[in-house]
Amino acid sequence: MATSNSKDSDIFATALRLLTRRDRSEAELSAKLKQLGFSASAIDGCLEKCRDYNYLNDQRYATERARALMRSGRGVGRKVLLDLRRRGIDETTAE
């Protein structure tokens, strides 16, 4: 049992470290944790915990990402939507 708690703690600490560097979509964080070798069930639990603490919020991420793209001149209209979809944001949230 201690191993499981240790693993849960490890994945959450890893997720927090990744989210501290920059905001991420759920899909991006999930893919990165999977790439680092964490199990699907551990990732699901971690994502839920991050959402509960409001550390992970796709709506907020999409809004901030769109603003940043528009401010920098790198995204207008459809380009913003395509960028958000590429980062795992669902169509409704991206709109």
C-alpha atoms as a PDB file:
ATOM      1  CA  MET A   1       0.000   0.000   0.000  1.00  0.00           C
ATOM      2  CA  ALA A   2       2.834   2.414   0.742  1.00  0.00           C
ATOM      3  CA  THR A   3       4.098   1.898  -2.786  1.00  0.00           C
ATOM      4  CA  SER A   4       0.754   3.022  -4.224  1.00  0.00           C
ATOM      5  CA  ASN A   5       0.666   6.150  -2.055  1.00  0.00           C
ATOM      6  CA  SER A   6       4.267   6.843  -2.970  1.00  0.00           C
ATOM      7  CA  LYS A   7       3.437   6.511  -6.669  1.00  0.00           C
ATOM      8  CA  ASP A   8       0.355   8.739  -6.251  1.00  0.00           C
ATOM      9  CA  SER A   9       2.522  11.328  -4.539  1.00  0.00           C
ATOM     10  CA  ASP A  10       5.187  11.039  -7.251  1.00  0.00           C
ATOM     11  CA  ILE A  11       2.736  11.563 -10.112  1.00  0.00           C
ATOM     12  CA  PHE A  12       1.045  14.510  -8.412  1.00  0.00           C
ATOM     13  CA  ALA A  13       4.413  16.137  -7.678  1.00  0.00           C
ATOM     14  CA  THR A  14       5.416  15.576 -11.298  1.00  0.00           C
ATOM     15  CA  ALA A  15       2.150  17.072 -12.549  1.00  0.00           C
ATOM     16  CA  LEU A  16       2.591  20.126 -10.331  1.00  0.00           C
ATOM     17  CA  ARG A  17       6.140  20.604 -11.589  1.00  0.00           C
ATOM     18  CA  LEU A  18       4.902  20.437 -15.198  1.00  0.00           C
ATOM     19  CA  LEU A  19       2.035  22.849 -14.506  1.00  0.00           C
ATOM     20  CA  THR A  20       4.373  25.271 -12.731  1.00  0.00           C
ATOM     21  CA  ARG A  21       6.480  25.611 -15.865  1.00  0.00           C
ATOM     22  CA  ARG A  22       3.426  26.509 -17.973  1.00  0.00           C
ATOM     23  CA  ASP A  23      -0.305  25.947 -18.082  1.00  0.00           C
ATOM     24  CA  ARG A  24      -1.308  22.838 -20.006  1.00  0.00           C
ATOM     25  CA  SER A  25      -4.454  21.252 -21.342  1.00  0.00           C
ATOM     26  CA  GLU A  26      -5.642  18.003 -19.783  1.00  0.00           C
ATOM     27  CA  ALA A  27      -4.619  16.184 -22.954  1.00  0.00           C
ATOM     28  CA  GLU A  28      -1.111  17.662 -22.870  1.00  0.00           C
ATOM     29  CA  LEU A  29      -0.598  16.827 -19.205  1.00  0.00           C
ATOM     30  CA  SER A  30      -1.966  13.321 -19.678  1.00  0.00           C
ATOM     31  CA  ALA A  31       0.313  12.672 -22.662  1.00  0.00           C
ATOM     32  CA  LYS A  32       3.370  13.978 -20.796  1.00  0.00           C
ATOM     33  CA  LEU A  33       2.648  11.834 -17.715  1.00  0.00           C
ATOM     34  CA  LYS A  34       2.150   8.798 -19.957  1.00  0.00           C
ATOM     35  CA  GLN A  35       5.449   9.552 -21.689  1.00  0.00           C
ATOM     36  CA  LEU A  36       7.104   9.627 -18.261  1.00  0.00           C
ATOM     37  CA  GLY A  37       5.860   6.089 -17.594  1.00  0.00           C
ATOM     38  CA  PHE A  38       2.884   6.554 -15.295  1.00  0.00           C
ATOM     39  CA  SER A  39      -0.068   4.166 -15.622  1.00  0.00           C
ATOM     40  CA  ALA A  40      -3.415   5.205 -17.123  1.00  0.00           C
ATOM     41  CA  SER A  41      -5.217   4.732 -13.812  1.00  0.00           C
ATOM     42  CA  ALA A  42      -2.639   6.831 -11.944  1.00  0.00           C
ATOM     43  CA  ILE A  43      -2.918   9.540 -14.599  1.00  0.00           C
ATOM     44  CA  ASP A  44      -6.728   9.571 -14.372  1.00  0.00           C
ATOM     45  CA  GLY A  45      -6.561   9.982 -10.602  1.00  0.00           C
ATOM     46  CA  CYS A  46      -3.954  12.705 -10.875  1.00  0.00           C
ATOM     47  CA  LEU A  47      -5.955  14.647 -13.478  1.00  0.00           C
ATOM     48  CA  GLU A  48      -9.019  14.471 -11.248  1.00  0.00           C
ATOM     49  CA  LYS A  49      -7.025  15.777  -8.283  1.00  0.00           C
ATOM     50  CA  CYS A  50      -5.581  18.596 -10.399  1.00  0.00           C
ATOM     51  CA  ARG A  51      -9.087  19.552 -11.587  1.00  0.00           C
ATOM     52  CA  ASP A  52     -10.398  19.445  -7.999  1.00  0.00           C
ATOM     53  CA  TYR A  53      -7.705  21.924  -6.923  1.00  0.00           C
ATOM     54  CA  ASN A  54      -8.353  23.973 -10.090  1.00  0.00           C
ATOM     55  CA  TYR A  55      -4.733  23.517 -11.168  1.00  0.00           C
ATOM     56  CA  LEU A  56      -6.031  22.112 -14.447  1.00  0.00           C
ATOM     57  CA  ASN A  57      -8.836  23.825 -16.323  1.00  0.00           C
ATOM     58  CA  ASP A  58      -9.202  23.461 -20.097  1.00  0.00           C
ATOM     59  CA  GLN A  59     -11.548  26.459 -20.373  1.00  0.00           C
ATOM     60  CA  ARG A  60      -9.049  28.740 -18.632  1.00  0.00           C
ATOM     61  CA  TYR A  61      -6.178  27.249 -20.635  1.00  0.00           C
ATOM     62  CA  ALA A  62      -8.010  27.784 -23.955  1.00  0.00           C
ATOM     63  CA  THR A  63      -8.873  31.392 -23.115  1.00  0.00           C
ATOM     64  CA  GLU A  64      -5.327  32.258 -22.054  1.00  0.00           C
ATOM     65  CA  ARG A  65      -3.746  30.431 -24.996  1.00  0.00           C
ATOM     66  CA  ALA A  66      -6.035  32.201 -27.483  1.00  0.00           C
ATOM     67  CA  ARG A  67      -5.248  35.596 -25.916  1.00  0.00           C
ATOM     68  CA  ALA A  68      -1.516  34.923 -26.049  1.00  0.00           C
ATOM     69  CA  LEU A  69      -1.674  33.867 -29.705  1.00  0.00           C
ATOM     70  CA  MET A  70      -3.680  36.930 -30.672  1.00  0.00           C
ATOM     71  CA  ARG A  71      -1.440  39.314 -28.663  1.00  0.00           C
ATOM     72  CA  SER A  72       1.658  37.937 -30.356  1.00  0.00           C
ATOM     73  CA  GLY A  73       0.074  38.114 -33.792  1.00  0.00           C
ATOM     74  CA  ARG A  74       0.549  34.381 -34.315  1.00  0.00           C
ATOM     75  CA  GLY A  75      -3.108  33.504 -34.209  1.00  0.00           C
ATOM     76  CA  VAL A  76      -6.216  34.910 -35.767  1.00  0.00           C
ATOM     77  CA  GLY A  77      -9.568  33.200 -36.261  1.00  0.00           C
ATOM     78  CA  ARG A  78      -9.216  29.669 -37.531  1.00  0.00           C
ATOM     79  CA  LYS A  79      -5.502  29.466 -36.627  1.00  0.00           C
ATOM     80  CA  VAL A  80      -6.391  29.861 -32.949  1.00  0.00           C
ATOM     81  CA  LEU A  81      -9.014  27.106 -33.162  1.00  0.00           C
ATOM     82  CA  LEU A  82      -6.584  24.769 -34.912  1.00  0.00           C
ATOM     83  CA  ASP A  83      -3.884  25.445 -32.312  1.00  0.00           C
ATOM     84  CA  LEU A  84      -6.278  24.695 -29.452  1.00  0.00           C
ATOM     85  CA  ARG A  85      -7.544  21.491 -31.114  1.00  0.00           C
ATOM     86  CA  ARG A  86      -3.938  20.363 -31.630  1.00  0.00           C
ATOM     87  CA  ARG A  87      -3.413  20.797 -27.881  1.00  0.00           C
ATOM     88  CA  GLY A  88      -6.346  18.551 -27.047  1.00  0.00           C
ATOM     89  CA  ILE A  89      -9.034  21.162 -26.435  1.00  0.00           C
ATOM     90  CA  ASP A  90     -12.468  19.927 -27.509  1.00  0.00           C
ATOM     91  CA  GLU A  91     -14.320  21.770 -30.284  1.00  0.00           C
ATOM     92  CA  THR A  92     -16.933  23.346 -28.003  1.00  0.00           C
ATOM     93  CA  THR A  93     -14.354  24.747 -25.588  1.00  0.00           C
ATOM     94  CA  ALA A  94     -12.146  25.923 -28.462  1.00  0.00           C
ATOM     95  CA  GLU A  95     -15.060  27.839 -30.008  1.00  0.00           C
END
